[in-house]
C-alpha atoms as a PDB file:
ATOM      1  CA  UNK A   1     166.617  36.751 138.968  1.00  0.00           C
ATOM      2  CA  UNK A   2     163.222  36.702 137.361  1.00  0.00           C
ATOM      3  CA  UNK A   3     162.140  39.415 134.826  1.00  0.00           C
ATOM      4  CA  UNK A   4     159.539  41.813 136.040  1.00  0.00           C
ATOM      5  CA  UNK A   5     156.426  42.421 134.000  1.00  0.00           C
ATOM      6  CA  UNK A   6     155.973  45.756 132.330  1.00  0.00           C
ATOM      7  CA  UNK A   7     154.034  48.432 134.005  1.00  0.00           C
ATOM      8  CA  UNK A   8     151.008  49.950 132.475  1.00  0.00           C
ATOM      9  CA  UNK A   9     148.548  48.916 129.807  1.00  0.00           C
ATOM     10  CA  UNK A  10     148.498  49.477 126.015  1.00  0.00           C
ATOM     11  CA  UNK A  11     144.949  50.056 124.755  1.00  0.00           C
ATOM     12  CA  UNK A  12     144.026  50.405 120.970  1.00  0.00           C
ATOM     13  CA  UNK A  13     142.846  53.878 120.077  1.00  0.00           C
ATOM     14  CA  UNK A  14     140.757  55.057 117.160  1.00  0.00           C
ATOM     15  CA  UNK A  15     143.845  54.841 114.751  1.00  0.00           C
ATOM     16  CA  UNK A  16     146.805  54.735 117.065  1.00  0.00           C
ATOM     17  CA  UNK A  17     147.559  52.903 120.265  1.00  0.00           C
ATOM     18  CA  UNK A  18     147.984  54.984 123.457  1.00  0.00           C
ATOM     19  CA  UNK A  19     149.496  53.955 126.802  1.00  0.00           C
ATOM     20  CA  UNK A  20     147.800  54.247 130.181  1.00  0.00           C
ATOM     21  CA  UNK A  21     150.367  54.164 133.097  1.00  0.00           C
ATOM     22  CA  UNK A  22     149.662  54.671 136.710  1.00  0.00           C
ATOM     23  CA  UNK A  23     152.699  55.686 138.783  1.00  0.00           C
ATOM     24  CA  UNK A  24     153.240  56.044 142.503  1.00  0.00           C
ATOM     25  CA  UNK A  25     156.344  57.341 144.303  1.00  0.00           C
ATOM     26  CA  UNK A  26     157.664  57.502 147.751  1.00  0.00           C
ATOM     27  CA  UNK A  27     157.849  61.311 147.339  1.00  0.00           C
ATOM     28  CA  UNK A  28     155.598  63.820 149.091  1.00  0.00           C
ATOM     29  CA  UNK A  29     152.638  63.370 146.984  1.00  0.00           C
ATOM     30  CA  UNK A  30     151.830  61.627 143.747  1.00  0.00           C
ATOM     31  CA  UNK A  31     149.648  58.902 142.547  1.00  0.00           C
ATOM     32  CA  UNK A  32     149.170  60.048 138.908  1.00  0.00           C
ATOM     33  CA  UNK A  33     147.328  58.431 136.277  1.00  0.00           C
ATOM     34  CA  UNK A  34     147.908  60.076 132.909  1.00  0.00           C
ATOM     35  CA  UNK A  35     147.250  59.098 129.225  1.00  0.00           C
ATOM     36  CA  UNK A  36     149.247  60.241 126.173  1.00  0.00           C
ATOM     37  CA  UNK A  37     147.831  59.571 122.777  1.00  0.00           C
ATOM     38  CA  UNK A  38     148.381  58.970 119.954  1.00  0.00           C
ATOM     39  CA  UNK A  39     152.024  57.699 120.340  1.00  0.00           C
ATOM     40  CA  UNK A  40     152.671  58.235 116.590  1.00  0.00           C
ATOM     41  CA  UNK A  41     151.472  61.502 115.109  1.00  0.00           C
ATOM     42  CA  UNK A  42     152.282  64.289 112.699  1.00  0.00           C
ATOM     43  CA  UNK A  43     150.551  67.146 114.364  1.00  0.00           C
ATOM     44  CA  UNK A  44     148.488  66.763 117.677  1.00  0.00           C
ATOM     45  CA  UNK A  45     149.329  65.015 120.798  1.00  0.00           C
ATOM     46  CA  UNK A  46     146.745  64.682 123.628  1.00  0.00           C
ATOM     47  CA  UNK A  47     147.704  64.464 127.424  1.00  0.00           C
ATOM     48  CA  UNK A  48     144.697  63.430 129.599  1.00  0.00           C
ATOM     49  CA  UNK A  49     144.354  63.163 133.295  1.00  0.00           C
ATOM     50  CA  UNK A  50     141.175  61.078 133.932  1.00  0.00           C
ATOM     51  CA  UNK A  51     141.017  62.164 137.663  1.00  0.00           C
ATOM     52  CA  UNK A  52     141.861  65.849 136.941  1.00  0.00           C
ATOM     53  CA  UNK A  53     145.142  67.594 136.517  1.00  0.00           C
ATOM     54  CA  UNK A  54     147.514  67.770 139.485  1.00  0.00           C
ATOM     55  CA  UNK A  55     148.705  71.218 140.438  1.00  0.00           C
ATOM     56  CA  UNK A  56     151.624  72.619 138.399  1.00  0.00           C
ATOM     57  CA  UNK A  57     151.924  69.707 135.917  1.00  0.00           C
ATOM     58  CA  UNK A  58     154.030  70.165 132.838  1.00  0.00           C
ATOM     59  CA  UNK A  59     155.295  68.086 129.948  1.00  0.00           C
ATOM     60  CA  UNK A  60     158.756  67.918 128.519  1.00  0.00           C
ATOM     61  CA  UNK A  61     159.624  66.533 125.120  1.00  0.00           C
ATOM     62  CA  UNK A  62     163.257  65.166 124.806  1.00  0.00           C
ATOM     63  CA  UNK A  63     165.194  63.749 121.813  1.00  0.00           C
ATOM     64  CA  UNK A  64     166.848  60.383 121.518  1.00  0.00           C
ATOM     65  CA  UNK A  65     169.987  62.084 123.075  1.00  0.00           C
ATOM     66  CA  UNK A  66     167.952  63.222 126.104  1.00  0.00           C
ATOM     67  CA  UNK A  67     168.124  66.937 125.046  1.00  0.00           C
ATOM     68  CA  UNK A  68     165.101  69.028 125.930  1.00  0.00           C
ATOM     69  CA  UNK A  69     163.265  69.977 122.781  1.00  0.00           C
ATOM     70  CA  UNK A  70     160.274  71.750 124.129  1.00  0.00           C
ATOM     71  CA  UNK A  71     158.092  72.019 127.329  1.00  0.00           C
ATOM     72  CA  UNK A  72     154.475  72.857 127.920  1.00  0.00           C
ATOM     73  CA  UNK A  73     152.384  73.689 131.094  1.00  0.00           C
ATOM     74  CA  UNK A  74     149.425  71.299 131.612  1.00  0.00           C
ATOM     75  CA  UNK A  75     146.753  73.456 133.351  1.00  0.00           C
ATOM     76  CA  UNK A  76     143.762  71.356 132.257  1.00  0.00           C
ATOM     77  CA  UNK A  77     142.614  67.751 132.603  1.00  0.00           C
ATOM     78  CA  UNK A  78     142.992  67.496 128.750  1.00  0.00           C
ATOM     79  CA  UNK A  79     145.679  69.269 126.845  1.00  0.00           C
ATOM     80  CA  UNK A  80     146.324  69.162 123.068  1.00  0.00           C
ATOM     81  CA  UNK A  81     149.875  69.787 122.085  1.00  0.00           C
ATOM     82  CA  UNK A  82     150.850  70.918 118.562  1.00  0.00           C
ATOM     83  CA  UNK A  83     153.961  69.142 117.500  1.00  0.00           C
ATOM     84  CA  UNK A  84     153.599  69.694 113.758  1.00  0.00           C
ATOM     85  CA  UNK A  85     156.755  71.924 113.569  1.00  0.00           C
ATOM     86  CA  UNK A  86     159.098  69.228 115.026  1.00  0.00           C
ATOM     87  CA  UNK A  87     161.448  67.059 112.948  1.00  0.00           C
ATOM     88  CA  UNK A  88     160.269  63.568 112.049  1.00  0.00           C
ATOM     89  CA  UNK A  89     161.832  61.132 114.487  1.00  0.00           C
ATOM     90  CA  UNK A  90     161.751  59.370 117.883  1.00  0.00           C
ATOM     91  CA  UNK A  91     161.189  61.247 121.108  1.00  0.00           C
ATOM     92  CA  UNK A  92     160.207  60.801 124.793  1.00  0.00           C
ATOM     93  CA  UNK A  93     157.414  62.750 126.440  1.00  0.00           C
ATOM     94  CA  UNK A  94     158.003  63.244 130.147  1.00  0.00           C
ATOM     95  CA  UNK A  95     154.823  64.212 132.128  1.00  0.00           C
ATOM     96  CA  UNK A  96     155.916  65.873 135.511  1.00  0.00           C
ATOM     97  CA  UNK A  97     154.383  67.192 138.601  1.00  0.00           C
ATOM     98  CA  UNK A  98     156.543  68.781 141.505  1.00  0.00           C
ATOM     99  CA  UNK A  99     158.148  66.328 143.932  1.00  0.00           C
ATOM    100  CA  UNK A 100     157.551  63.223 141.825  1.00  0.00           C
ATOM    101  CA  UNK A 101     159.329  61.171 139.201  1.00  0.00           C
ATOM    102  CA  UNK A 102     158.341  61.740 135.536  1.00  0.00           C
ATOM    103  CA  UNK A 103     156.075  59.445 133.676  1.00  0.00           C
ATOM    104  CA  UNK A 104     157.779  58.778 130.405  1.00  0.00           C
ATOM    105  CA  UNK A 105     155.968  57.935 127.106  1.00  0.00           C
ATOM    106  CA  UNK A 106     157.727  57.023 123.808  1.00  0.00           C
ATOM    107  CA  UNK A 107     156.595  59.160 120.954  1.00  0.00           C
ATOM    108  CA  UNK A 108     157.122  58.997 117.187  1.00  0.00           C
ATOM    109  CA  UNK A 109     156.758  62.153 115.057  1.00  0.00           C
ATOM    110  CA  UNK A 110     155.571  61.109 111.639  1.00  0.00           C
ATOM    111  CA  UNK A 111     155.712  63.132 108.395  1.00  0.00           C
END
């Protein structure tokens, strides 16, 4: 069986890379394009929807064990999240909309 190519594109940001992933599901409605950057940060994280925010979008931050650490509503096309109070370590950011699979981004909280 041939290995499949990774989905998405990694672009170089100002100081940190960010990941740009397009996702489609067989669910009722979602073709979402969302960007999360920087992927390594000590304070601020940006979630951006180039085509505008879908209705009722939210983000969930989970730790390496999959436990929910925090969640945020995403009412705007660009949201800045403050993660400065989190412990240093590796996390996953799940960006969700109703009726669709989450888009998952790796995240490193730096000192």
